[in-house]
């Protein structure tokens, strides 16, 4: 049984209402007296228990010419000044969701939530020190709820914000990273590094959420659907509190608005389409830069998730 089907079966058997008293046995160090959410019912079990989706730390890296990846499959690219570019393949992140790494002395968390298609990289340095992140197994608005191993506070992946526990209200700094094809990364960074295959028994290269990004509704989501006739699982490019529909960017090729330049290029497979990630339909890759040509932090997430977490956000429809 595919993981997505298994998650649905498990979730149907679990109560949807949340209750901190039922969580304390699993989370004895989490301070449930502090929270930044209105109602505990916003948090649901996604199926797996705490660390049932195992986050990774200090991954092994391999040179580009030693990696065995297919041209169209997606990687998350991270480039920091003075350091070799790094690629984190979604064939691994779709099974692990968080990679705690250190690049040029900067501790980073590379994250991917398949249910929202949210791929963000954060600086792990906070007022509480350097944090290491894991996966709670819980969802809020269908988005992954992370936790830090130092205080066991819970964090919303899409916003990089602590929502439960000692660090409630703290925010992580997002770093510029983007999703692109392996072929594009390899061409631009022949001396780059790529995350090596983890030592876990997983069907790396397979998509456990086959057909998800063409579903009619998101998984375990009961919030409002996006406005303006947008399909809930249509991809949008989020920069700050603005969202550009990917379909608009794809048609234009390049957009220059609000001091931001967005470009689209064909050749990237959807990780959430075919049973094999590299065989997914071509959704294209994007880059987001400011007026000086510098890469900007951004996300390529589903429309429902943008509306859920930025309900007052601006939709850049070009009308």
C-alpha atoms as a PDB file:
ATOM      1  CA  UNK A   1       0.000   0.000   0.000  1.00  0.00           C
ATOM      2  CA  UNK A   2       1.317   3.444  -0.885  1.00  0.00           C
ATOM      3  CA  UNK A   3       2.216   5.693   2.049  1.00  0.00           C
ATOM      4  CA  UNK A   4      -0.450   8.259   1.113  1.00  0.00           C
ATOM      5  CA  UNK A   5      -3.191   5.605   1.095  1.00  0.00           C
ATOM      6  CA  UNK A   6      -1.888   4.263   4.397  1.00  0.00           C
ATOM      7  CA  UNK A   7      -1.950   7.745   5.946  1.00  0.00           C
ATOM      8  CA  UNK A   8      -5.563   8.187   4.871  1.00  0.00           C
ATOM      9  CA  UNK A   9      -6.539   4.861   6.406  1.00  0.00           C
ATOM     10  CA  UNK A  10      -4.737   5.656   9.662  1.00  0.00           C
ATOM     11  CA  UNK A  11      -6.122   9.186   9.886  1.00  0.00           C
ATOM     12  CA  UNK A  12      -9.702   7.968   9.436  1.00  0.00           C
ATOM     13  CA  UNK A  13      -9.221   5.754  12.462  1.00  0.00           C
ATOM     14  CA  UNK A  14      -7.920   8.605  14.642  1.00  0.00           C
ATOM     15  CA  UNK A  15      -9.980  11.248  16.431  1.00  0.00           C
ATOM     16  CA  UNK A  16      -9.693  14.610  14.721  1.00  0.00           C
ATOM     17  CA  UNK A  17     -10.115  16.725  17.847  1.00  0.00           C
ATOM     18  CA  UNK A  18      -6.832  17.653  19.519  1.00  0.00           C
ATOM     19  CA  UNK A  19      -6.237  17.511  23.248  1.00  0.00           C
ATOM     20  CA  UNK A  20      -2.892  18.339  24.924  1.00  0.00           C
ATOM     21  CA  UNK A  21      -3.681  16.001  27.825  1.00  0.00           C
ATOM     22  CA  UNK A  22      -3.462  13.091  25.399  1.00  0.00           C
ATOM     23  CA  UNK A  23      -0.110  14.297  24.090  1.00  0.00           C
ATOM     24  CA  UNK A  24       1.805  14.741  27.349  1.00  0.00           C
ATOM     25  CA  UNK A  25       2.939  11.139  27.528  1.00  0.00           C
ATOM     26  CA  UNK A  26       4.640  11.456  24.149  1.00  0.00           C
ATOM     27  CA  UNK A  27       5.717  15.078  24.728  1.00  0.00           C
ATOM     28  CA  UNK A  28       6.661  15.409  28.435  1.00  0.00           C
ATOM     29  CA  UNK A  29       8.957  18.390  27.842  1.00  0.00           C
ATOM     30  CA  UNK A  30       6.588  20.466  25.694  1.00  0.00           C
ATOM     31  CA  UNK A  31       5.108  23.448  27.558  1.00  0.00           C
ATOM     32  CA  UNK A  32       1.469  23.243  26.467  1.00  0.00           C
ATOM     33  CA  UNK A  33       0.577  26.282  28.597  1.00  0.00           C
ATOM     34  CA  UNK A  34       2.065  28.436  25.826  1.00  0.00           C
ATOM     35  CA  UNK A  35       0.554  28.489  22.371  1.00  0.00           C
ATOM     36  CA  UNK A  36       0.110  30.839  19.446  1.00  0.00           C
ATOM     37  CA  UNK A  37      -2.943  29.161  17.937  1.00  0.00           C
ATOM     38  CA  UNK A  38      -6.585  29.842  18.761  1.00  0.00           C
ATOM     39  CA  UNK A  39      -7.885  26.307  19.100  1.00  0.00           C
ATOM     40  CA  UNK A  40      -6.182  22.975  19.763  1.00  0.00           C
ATOM     41  CA  UNK A  41      -8.461  21.421  17.137  1.00  0.00           C
ATOM     42  CA  UNK A  42      -6.322  23.142  14.489  1.00  0.00           C
ATOM     43  CA  UNK A  43      -3.712  20.422  15.117  1.00  0.00           C
ATOM     44  CA  UNK A  44      -4.427  16.913  13.860  1.00  0.00           C
ATOM     45  CA  UNK A  45      -2.549  13.678  13.696  1.00  0.00           C
ATOM     46  CA  UNK A  46      -1.183  12.995  10.239  1.00  0.00           C
ATOM     47  CA  UNK A  47      -0.883   9.280  10.989  1.00  0.00           C
ATOM     48  CA  UNK A  48       2.789   8.673  11.861  1.00  0.00           C
ATOM     49  CA  UNK A  49       3.866   9.131  15.506  1.00  0.00           C
ATOM     50  CA  UNK A  50       6.636  11.415  16.711  1.00  0.00           C
ATOM     51  CA  UNK A  51       9.717  10.770  14.540  1.00  0.00           C
ATOM     52  CA  UNK A  52       7.733   8.216  12.535  1.00  0.00           C
ATOM     53  CA  UNK A  53       8.981  10.303   9.619  1.00  0.00           C
ATOM     54  CA  UNK A  54      12.672  10.401  10.583  1.00  0.00           C
ATOM     55  CA  UNK A  55      14.390  13.751  10.094  1.00  0.00           C
ATOM     56  CA  UNK A  56      18.053  13.619   9.109  1.00  0.00           C
ATOM     57  CA  UNK A  57      21.105  15.350  10.592  1.00  0.00           C
ATOM     58  CA  UNK A  58      24.593  15.899   9.199  1.00  0.00           C
ATOM     59  CA  UNK A  59      23.939  14.038   5.930  1.00  0.00           C
ATOM     60  CA  UNK A  60      26.723  12.513   3.892  1.00  0.00           C
ATOM     61  CA  UNK A  61      27.572  14.454   0.741  1.00  0.00           C
ATOM     62  CA  UNK A  62      28.920  13.304  -2.582  1.00  0.00           C
ATOM     63  CA  UNK A  63      30.431  15.147  -5.581  1.00  0.00           C
ATOM     64  CA  UNK A  64      28.125  15.922  -8.473  1.00  0.00           C
ATOM     65  CA  UNK A  65      29.849  13.497 -10.842  1.00  0.00           C
ATOM     66  CA  UNK A  66      29.354  10.620  -8.384  1.00  0.00           C
ATOM     67  CA  UNK A  67      25.587  11.114  -7.911  1.00  0.00           C
ATOM     68  CA  UNK A  68      23.148   8.814  -9.699  1.00  0.00           C
ATOM     69  CA  UNK A  69      20.081  10.984 -10.233  1.00  0.00           C
ATOM     70  CA  UNK A  70      17.867  11.488 -13.274  1.00  0.00           C
ATOM     71  CA  UNK A  71      17.925  14.760 -15.185  1.00  0.00           C
ATOM     72  CA  UNK A  72      14.371  15.977 -14.511  1.00  0.00           C
ATOM     73  CA  UNK A  73      14.028  14.981 -10.881  1.00  0.00           C
ATOM     74  CA  UNK A  74      13.785  17.850  -8.389  1.00  0.00           C
ATOM     75  CA  UNK A  75      16.406  18.972  -5.926  1.00  0.00           C
ATOM     76  CA  UNK A  76      16.424  21.840  -3.451  1.00  0.00           C
ATOM     77  CA  UNK A  77      19.405  24.057  -4.194  1.00  0.00           C
ATOM     78  CA  UNK A  78      21.193  26.004  -1.465  1.00  0.00           C
ATOM     79  CA  UNK A  79      24.050  28.361  -2.237  1.00  0.00           C
ATOM     80  CA  UNK A  80      25.766  30.338   0.502  1.00  0.00           C
ATOM     81  CA  UNK A  81      28.601  32.806  -0.100  1.00  0.00           C
ATOM     82  CA  UNK A  82      32.012  31.176  -0.299  1.00  0.00           C
ATOM     83  CA  UNK A  83      30.619  27.622  -0.134  1.00  0.00           C
ATOM     84  CA  UNK A  84      30.044  24.975  -2.766  1.00  0.00           C
ATOM     85  CA  UNK A  85      26.420  24.777  -3.837  1.00  0.00           C
ATOM     86  CA  UNK A  86      24.479  21.909  -2.283  1.00  0.00           C
ATOM     87  CA  UNK A  87      21.606  19.901  -3.729  1.00  0.00           C
ATOM     88  CA  UNK A  88      19.093  18.063  -1.545  1.00  0.00           C
ATOM     89  CA  UNK A  89      17.103  15.622  -3.724  1.00  0.00           C
ATOM     90  CA  UNK A  90      13.370  15.370  -3.138  1.00  0.00           C
ATOM     91  CA  UNK A  91      13.699  11.618  -3.609  1.00  0.00           C
ATOM     92  CA  UNK A  92      15.059  11.713  -0.042  1.00  0.00           C
ATOM     93  CA  UNK A  93      13.198  14.669   1.431  1.00  0.00           C
ATOM     94  CA  UNK A  94       9.793  13.267   0.469  1.00  0.00           C
ATOM     95  CA  UNK A  95      10.502  10.446   2.973  1.00  0.00           C
ATOM     96  CA  UNK A  96      12.335  12.468   5.658  1.00  0.00           C
ATOM     97  CA  UNK A  97      10.929  16.026   5.324  1.00  0.00           C
ATOM     98  CA  UNK A  98      13.727  17.709   7.331  1.00  0.00           C
ATOM     99  CA  UNK A  99      17.502  17.721   6.896  1.00  0.00           C
ATOM    100  CA  UNK A 100      19.564  19.400   9.621  1.00  0.00           C
ATOM    101  CA  UNK A 101      22.860  20.398   8.043  1.00  0.00           C
ATOM    102  CA  UNK A 102      25.688  22.914   8.477  1.00  0.00           C
ATOM    103  CA  UNK A 103      26.986  24.919   5.527  1.00  0.00           C
ATOM    104  CA  UNK A 104      30.000  27.174   5.957  1.00  0.00           C
ATOM    105  CA  UNK A 105      29.462  27.246   9.701  1.00  0.00           C
ATOM    106  CA  UNK A 106      25.783  28.169   9.339  1.00  0.00           C
ATOM    107  CA  UNK A 107      23.386  25.583  10.789  1.00  0.00           C
ATOM    108  CA  UNK A 108      20.462  25.134   8.400  1.00  0.00           C
ATOM    109  CA  UNK A 109      17.249  23.108   8.203  1.00  0.00           C
ATOM    110  CA  UNK A 110      16.179  22.113   4.690  1.00  0.00           C
ATOM    111  CA  UNK A 111      12.479  21.250   4.883  1.00  0.00           C
ATOM    112  CA  UNK A 112       9.815  19.859   2.570  1.00  0.00           C
ATOM    113  CA  UNK A 113       6.141  19.252   3.339  1.00  0.00           C
ATOM    114  CA  UNK A 114       4.671  17.104   0.534  1.00  0.00           C
ATOM    115  CA  UNK A 115       1.069  17.836   1.534  1.00  0.00           C
ATOM    116  CA  UNK A 116       1.577  21.584   0.950  1.00  0.00           C
ATOM    117  CA  UNK A 117       4.494  21.298  -1.504  1.00  0.00           C
ATOM    118  CA  UNK A 118       6.253  23.778   0.772  1.00  0.00           C
ATOM    119  CA  UNK A 119      10.062  23.687   0.467  1.00  0.00           C
ATOM    120  CA  UNK A 120      11.868  26.116   2.756  1.00  0.00           C
ATOM    121  CA  UNK A 121      15.381  26.405   4.157  1.00  0.00           C
ATOM    122  CA  UNK A 122      15.877  28.022   7.562  1.00  0.00           C
ATOM    123  CA  UNK A 123      18.784  29.262   9.652  1.00  0.00           C
ATOM    124  CA  UNK A 124      18.703  27.112  12.836  1.00  0.00           C
ATOM    125  CA  UNK A 125      20.227  29.825  15.027  1.00  0.00           C
ATOM    126  CA  UNK A 126      17.678  31.324  17.453  1.00  0.00           C
ATOM    127  CA  UNK A 127      17.515  33.204  20.732  1.00  0.00           C
ATOM    128  CA  UNK A 128      17.507  29.790  22.435  1.00  0.00           C
ATOM    129  CA  UNK A 129      20.674  28.725  20.626  1.00  0.00           C
ATOM    130  CA  UNK A 130      21.121  26.390  17.674  1.00  0.00           C
ATOM    131  CA  UNK A 131      18.127  24.094  17.260  1.00  0.00           C
ATOM    132  CA  UNK A 132      17.810  20.678  15.683  1.00  0.00           C
ATOM    133  CA  UNK A 133      14.456  19.806  14.171  1.00  0.00           C
ATOM    134  CA  UNK A 134      12.349  16.666  13.935  1.00  0.00           C
ATOM    135  CA  UNK A 135       8.871  15.757  12.661  1.00  0.00           C
ATOM    136  CA  UNK A 136       6.013  15.638  15.199  1.00  0.00           C
ATOM    137  CA  UNK A 137       3.713  13.561  12.977  1.00  0.00           C
ATOM    138  CA  UNK A 138       1.092  16.272  13.433  1.00  0.00           C
ATOM    139  CA  UNK A 139      -0.460  18.587  10.846  1.00  0.00           C
ATOM    140  CA  UNK A 140      -2.004  22.028  10.987  1.00  0.00           C
ATOM    141  CA  UNK A 141      -3.895  23.159   7.894  1.00  0.00           C
ATOM    142  CA  UNK A 142      -2.362  20.056   6.267  1.00  0.00           C
ATOM    143  CA  UNK A 143       1.143  21.466   6.827  1.00  0.00           C
ATOM    144  CA  UNK A 144       3.904  19.697   8.740  1.00  0.00           C
ATOM    145  CA  UNK A 145       4.362  20.606  12.388  1.00  0.00           C
ATOM    146  CA  UNK A 146       8.067  20.372  13.246  1.00  0.00           C
ATOM    147  CA  UNK A 147       9.596  20.324  16.709  1.00  0.00           C
ATOM    148  CA  UNK A 148      12.977  21.312  18.078  1.00  0.00           C
ATOM    149  CA  UNK A 149      14.860  18.729  20.114  1.00  0.00           C
ATOM    150  CA  UNK A 150      16.193  21.340  22.559  1.00  0.00           C
ATOM    151  CA  UNK A 151      12.885  22.639  24.020  1.00  0.00           C
ATOM    152  CA  UNK A 152      10.380  20.390  22.208  1.00  0.00           C
ATOM    153  CA  UNK A 153       8.474  23.448  21.066  1.00  0.00           C
ATOM    154  CA  UNK A 154       6.316  22.878  17.966  1.00  0.00           C
ATOM    155  CA  UNK A 155       6.911  24.856  14.793  1.00  0.00           C
ATOM    156  CA  UNK A 156       4.801  25.543  11.701  1.00  0.00           C
ATOM    157  CA  UNK A 157       6.906  24.579   8.698  1.00  0.00           C
ATOM    158  CA  UNK A 158       5.186  26.881   6.164  1.00  0.00           C
ATOM    159  CA  UNK A 159       5.824  29.959   8.298  1.00  0.00           C
ATOM    160  CA  UNK A 160       8.940  28.966  10.246  1.00  0.00           C
ATOM    161  CA  UNK A 161       7.215  30.033  13.454  1.00  0.00           C
ATOM    162  CA  UNK A 162       6.912  28.354  16.853  1.00  0.00           C
ATOM    163  CA  UNK A 163       3.230  27.759  17.637  1.00  0.00           C
ATOM    164  CA  UNK A 164       3.329  25.675  20.841  1.00  0.00           C
ATOM    165  CA  UNK A 165       5.764  25.486  23.754  1.00  0.00           C
ATOM    166  CA  UNK A 166       8.519  27.505  25.358  1.00  0.00           C
ATOM    167  CA  UNK A 167       9.568  29.272  22.149  1.00  0.00           C
ATOM    168  CA  UNK A 168       6.041  30.210  21.017  1.00  0.00           C
ATOM    169  CA  UNK A 169       6.201  33.275  18.797  1.00  0.00           C
ATOM    170  CA  UNK A 170       9.839  32.808  17.791  1.00  0.00           C
ATOM    171  CA  UNK A 171      10.519  32.917  14.055  1.00  0.00           C
ATOM    172  CA  UNK A 172      13.226  31.263  12.002  1.00  0.00           C
ATOM    173  CA  UNK A 173      15.081  33.225   9.327  1.00  0.00           C
ATOM    174  CA  UNK A 174      14.399  31.831   5.859  1.00  0.00           C
ATOM    175  CA  UNK A 175      17.390  31.487   3.526  1.00  0.00           C
ATOM    176  CA  UNK A 176      17.231  31.732  -0.280  1.00  0.00           C
ATOM    177  CA  UNK A 177      16.868  28.258  -1.769  1.00  0.00           C
ATOM    178  CA  UNK A 178      14.872  26.922  -4.674  1.00  0.00           C
ATOM    179  CA  UNK A 179      13.649  23.795  -6.385  1.00  0.00           C
ATOM    180  CA  UNK A 180      15.165  22.911  -9.748  1.00  0.00           C
ATOM    181  CA  UNK A 181      16.040  19.896 -11.852  1.00  0.00           C
ATOM    182  CA  UNK A 182      19.116  17.822 -11.199  1.00  0.00           C
ATOM    183  CA  UNK A 183      20.274  18.593 -14.750  1.00  0.00           C
ATOM    184  CA  UNK A 184      20.099  22.348 -14.086  1.00  0.00           C
ATOM    185  CA  UNK A 185      22.005  22.067 -10.804  1.00  0.00           C
ATOM    186  CA  UNK A 186      24.663  19.806 -12.328  1.00  0.00           C
ATOM    187  CA  UNK A 187      25.157  22.169 -15.286  1.00  0.00           C
ATOM    188  CA  UNK A 188      25.607  25.308 -13.165  1.00  0.00           C
ATOM    189  CA  UNK A 189      27.536  23.687 -10.310  1.00  0.00           C
ATOM    190  CA  UNK A 190      29.792  20.929 -11.676  1.00  0.00           C
ATOM    191  CA  UNK A 191      31.904  21.233  -8.509  1.00  0.00           C
ATOM    192  CA  UNK A 192      28.870  21.212  -6.212  1.00  0.00           C
ATOM    193  CA  UNK A 193      27.858  18.696  -3.582  1.00  0.00           C
ATOM    194  CA  UNK A 194      24.734  16.547  -3.375  1.00  0.00           C
ATOM    195  CA  UNK A 195      23.182  14.835  -0.390  1.00  0.00           C
ATOM    196  CA  UNK A 196      23.930  11.113  -0.536  1.00  0.00           C
ATOM    197  CA  UNK A 197      21.311   8.397  -0.112  1.00  0.00           C
ATOM    198  CA  UNK A 198      20.427   7.962   3.576  1.00  0.00           C
ATOM    199  CA  UNK A 199      20.907   4.636   5.283  1.00  0.00           C
ATOM    200  CA  UNK A 200      17.213   3.850   5.690  1.00  0.00           C
ATOM    201  CA  UNK A 201      14.983   1.208   4.168  1.00  0.00           C
ATOM    202  CA  UNK A 202      12.933   3.490   1.923  1.00  0.00           C
ATOM    203  CA  UNK A 203      11.894   3.270  -1.720  1.00  0.00           C
ATOM    204  CA  UNK A 204      13.974   6.295  -2.691  1.00  0.00           C
ATOM    205  CA  UNK A 205      12.965   7.610  -6.103  1.00  0.00           C
ATOM    206  CA  UNK A 206       9.354   6.486  -5.627  1.00  0.00           C
ATOM    207  CA  UNK A 207       6.560   8.933  -4.892  1.00  0.00           C
ATOM    208  CA  UNK A 208       4.439   7.711  -1.961  1.00  0.00           C
ATOM    209  CA  UNK A 209       1.866  10.447  -2.718  1.00  0.00           C
ATOM    210  CA  UNK A 210       1.130   9.409  -6.296  1.00  0.00           C
ATOM    211  CA  UNK A 211      -1.379  11.709  -7.996  1.00  0.00           C
ATOM    212  CA  UNK A 212      -1.674  13.994  -4.971  1.00  0.00           C
ATOM    213  CA  UNK A 213      -1.080  17.296  -6.757  1.00  0.00           C
ATOM    214  CA  UNK A 214      -4.048  16.654  -9.060  1.00  0.00           C
ATOM    215  CA  UNK A 215      -6.394  15.730  -6.203  1.00  0.00           C
ATOM    216  CA  UNK A 216      -9.571  17.727  -5.778  1.00  0.00           C
ATOM    217  CA  UNK A 217      -8.946  18.447  -2.097  1.00  0.00           C
ATOM    218  CA  UNK A 218      -5.941  18.612   0.255  1.00  0.00           C
ATOM    219  CA  UNK A 219      -5.361  15.897   2.846  1.00  0.00           C
ATOM    220  CA  UNK A 220      -6.798  16.554   6.344  1.00  0.00           C
ATOM    221  CA  UNK A 221      -7.733  20.140   5.519  1.00  0.00           C
ATOM    222  CA  UNK A 222     -11.048  21.690   6.551  1.00  0.00           C
ATOM    223  CA  UNK A 223     -10.248  25.368   6.017  1.00  0.00           C
ATOM    224  CA  UNK A 224     -11.418  27.741   3.328  1.00  0.00           C
ATOM    225  CA  UNK A 225     -10.540  27.064  -0.273  1.00  0.00           C
ATOM    226  CA  UNK A 226      -8.532  29.721  -2.128  1.00  0.00           C
ATOM    227  CA  UNK A 227     -10.382  32.611  -3.787  1.00  0.00           C
ATOM    228  CA  UNK A 228     -10.499  33.788  -7.397  1.00  0.00           C
ATOM    229  CA  UNK A 229     -11.419  30.358  -8.744  1.00  0.00           C
ATOM    230  CA  UNK A 230      -7.984  28.912  -8.055  1.00  0.00           C
ATOM    231  CA  UNK A 231      -7.824  25.159  -7.590  1.00  0.00           C
ATOM    232  CA  UNK A 232      -6.734  24.281  -4.026  1.00  0.00           C
ATOM    233  CA  UNK A 233      -3.707  22.286  -5.221  1.00  0.00           C
ATOM    234  CA  UNK A 234      -2.600  24.775  -7.861  1.00  0.00           C
ATOM    235  CA  UNK A 235       0.985  25.844  -7.211  1.00  0.00           C
ATOM    236  CA  UNK A 236       1.698  29.468  -6.371  1.00  0.00           C
ATOM    237  CA  UNK A 237       4.978  31.310  -5.867  1.00  0.00           C
ATOM    238  CA  UNK A 238       4.977  32.989  -2.484  1.00  0.00           C
ATOM    239  CA  UNK A 239       7.299  35.915  -1.795  1.00  0.00           C
ATOM    240  CA  UNK A 240       6.537  37.401   1.594  1.00  0.00           C
ATOM    241  CA  UNK A 241       2.776  37.882   1.726  1.00  0.00           C
ATOM    242  CA  UNK A 242       2.227  37.870  -2.032  1.00  0.00           C
ATOM    243  CA  UNK A 243       1.454  34.885  -4.241  1.00  0.00           C
ATOM    244  CA  UNK A 244       1.811  34.545  -8.011  1.00  0.00           C
ATOM    245  CA  UNK A 245      -0.031  31.600  -9.655  1.00  0.00           C
ATOM    246  CA  UNK A 246       2.524  29.347 -11.310  1.00  0.00           C
ATOM    247  CA  UNK A 247       0.235  29.078 -14.337  1.00  0.00           C
ATOM    248  CA  UNK A 248       0.554  32.833 -14.884  1.00  0.00           C
ATOM    249  CA  UNK A 249       4.331  32.775 -14.535  1.00  0.00           C
ATOM    250  CA  UNK A 250       4.611  29.768 -16.833  1.00  0.00           C
ATOM    251  CA  UNK A 251       2.651  31.591 -19.536  1.00  0.00           C
ATOM    252  CA  UNK A 252       4.701  34.796 -19.211  1.00  0.00           C
ATOM    253  CA  UNK A 253       8.130  33.199 -18.738  1.00  0.00           C
ATOM    254  CA  UNK A 254       9.201  36.205 -16.663  1.00  0.00           C
ATOM    255  CA  UNK A 255       7.407  38.725 -14.480  1.00  0.00           C
ATOM    256  CA  UNK A 256       8.747  41.941 -12.944  1.00  0.00           C
ATOM    257  CA  UNK A 257       6.435  43.215 -10.235  1.00  0.00           C
ATOM    258  CA  UNK A 258       6.680  44.739  -6.762  1.00  0.00           C
ATOM    259  CA  UNK A 259      10.468  44.961  -7.070  1.00  0.00           C
ATOM    260  CA  UNK A 260      10.717  41.214  -7.687  1.00  0.00           C
ATOM    261  CA  UNK A 261      11.747  39.312 -10.817  1.00  0.00           C
ATOM    262  CA  UNK A 262      10.286  35.845 -11.241  1.00  0.00           C
ATOM    263  CA  UNK A 263      11.430  33.527 -14.030  1.00  0.00           C
ATOM    264  CA  UNK A 264      10.154  30.127 -15.162  1.00  0.00           C
ATOM    265  CA  UNK A 265      12.044  27.422 -17.059  1.00  0.00           C
ATOM    266  CA  UNK A 266      10.810  24.054 -18.295  1.00  0.00           C
ATOM    267  CA  UNK A 267      12.431  20.761 -17.370  1.00  0.00           C
ATOM    268  CA  UNK A 268      11.449  19.989 -13.750  1.00  0.00           C
ATOM    269  CA  UNK A 269       9.324  16.963 -12.854  1.00  0.00           C
ATOM    270  CA  UNK A 270       6.575  17.206 -10.260  1.00  0.00           C
ATOM    271  CA  UNK A 271       7.512  15.090  -7.247  1.00  0.00           C
ATOM    272  CA  UNK A 272       3.823  14.487  -6.430  1.00  0.00           C
ATOM    273  CA  UNK A 273       2.514  13.191  -9.749  1.00  0.00           C
ATOM    274  CA  UNK A 274       3.802   9.886 -11.115  1.00  0.00           C
ATOM    275  CA  UNK A 275       4.729   6.836  -9.062  1.00  0.00           C
ATOM    276  CA  UNK A 276       8.358   7.562  -9.993  1.00  0.00           C
ATOM    277  CA  UNK A 277       9.445  11.065  -9.086  1.00  0.00           C
ATOM    278  CA  UNK A 278      11.615  11.506 -12.176  1.00  0.00           C
ATOM    279  CA  UNK A 279       8.633  10.620 -14.416  1.00  0.00           C
ATOM    280  CA  UNK A 280       6.335  13.338 -13.090  1.00  0.00           C
ATOM    281  CA  UNK A 281       4.826  15.834 -15.482  1.00  0.00           C
ATOM    282  CA  UNK A 282       6.873  18.941 -16.277  1.00  0.00           C
ATOM    283  CA  UNK A 283       5.900  21.779 -13.953  1.00  0.00           C
ATOM    284  CA  UNK A 284       9.019  23.865 -14.574  1.00  0.00           C
ATOM    285  CA  UNK A 285      11.370  25.515 -12.103  1.00  0.00           C
ATOM    286  CA  UNK A 286      11.409  29.113 -10.888  1.00  0.00           C
ATOM    287  CA  UNK A 287      13.898  31.646  -9.624  1.00  0.00           C
ATOM    288  CA  UNK A 288      13.031  34.723  -7.593  1.00  0.00           C
ATOM    289  CA  UNK A 289      15.421  37.681  -7.469  1.00  0.00           C
ATOM    290  CA  UNK A 290      15.413  41.279  -6.307  1.00  0.00           C
ATOM    291  CA  UNK A 291      16.305  44.353  -8.360  1.00  0.00           C
ATOM    292  CA  UNK A 292      20.022  43.689  -7.883  1.00  0.00           C
ATOM    293  CA  UNK A 293      19.740  40.121  -9.131  1.00  0.00           C
ATOM    294  CA  UNK A 294      20.075  38.543  -5.684  1.00  0.00           C
ATOM    295  CA  UNK A 295      18.114  35.391  -4.892  1.00  0.00           C
ATOM    296  CA  UNK A 296      15.241  35.913  -2.481  1.00  0.00           C
ATOM    297  CA  UNK A 297      13.652  33.533   0.015  1.00  0.00           C
ATOM    298  CA  UNK A 298      10.401  32.221  -1.451  1.00  0.00           C
ATOM    299  CA  UNK A 299       8.198  29.159  -1.566  1.00  0.00           C
ATOM    300  CA  UNK A 300       6.337  27.208  -4.248  1.00  0.00           C
ATOM    301  CA  UNK A 301       3.360  25.893  -2.339  1.00  0.00           C
ATOM    302  CA  UNK A 302      -0.256  24.986  -3.011  1.00  0.00           C
ATOM    303  CA  UNK A 303      -2.865  27.752  -3.209  1.00  0.00           C
ATOM    304  CA  UNK A 304      -4.906  26.397  -0.278  1.00  0.00           C
ATOM    305  CA  UNK A 305      -1.841  26.586   1.997  1.00  0.00           C
ATOM    306  CA  UNK A 306      -1.100  30.197   1.066  1.00  0.00           C
ATOM    307  CA  UNK A 307      -4.709  31.140   1.795  1.00  0.00           C
ATOM    308  CA  UNK A 308      -4.644  29.223   5.090  1.00  0.00           C
ATOM    309  CA  UNK A 309      -1.478  30.813   6.460  1.00  0.00           C
ATOM    310  CA  UNK A 310      -1.703  34.237   4.790  1.00  0.00           C
ATOM    311  CA  UNK A 311      -5.472  34.855   4.690  1.00  0.00           C
ATOM    312  CA  UNK A 312      -4.888  38.582   4.135  1.00  0.00           C
ATOM    313  CA  UNK A 313      -2.164  37.963   1.554  1.00  0.00           C
ATOM    314  CA  UNK A 314      -2.103  39.576  -1.858  1.00  0.00           C
ATOM    315  CA  UNK A 315      -2.903  37.473  -4.916  1.00  0.00           C
ATOM    316  CA  UNK A 316      -0.854  38.624  -7.918  1.00  0.00           C
ATOM    317  CA  UNK A 317      -3.275  37.707 -10.684  1.00  0.00           C
ATOM    318  CA  UNK A 318      -2.205  40.324 -13.234  1.00  0.00           C
ATOM    319  CA  UNK A 319      -5.723  41.636 -13.776  1.00  0.00           C
END
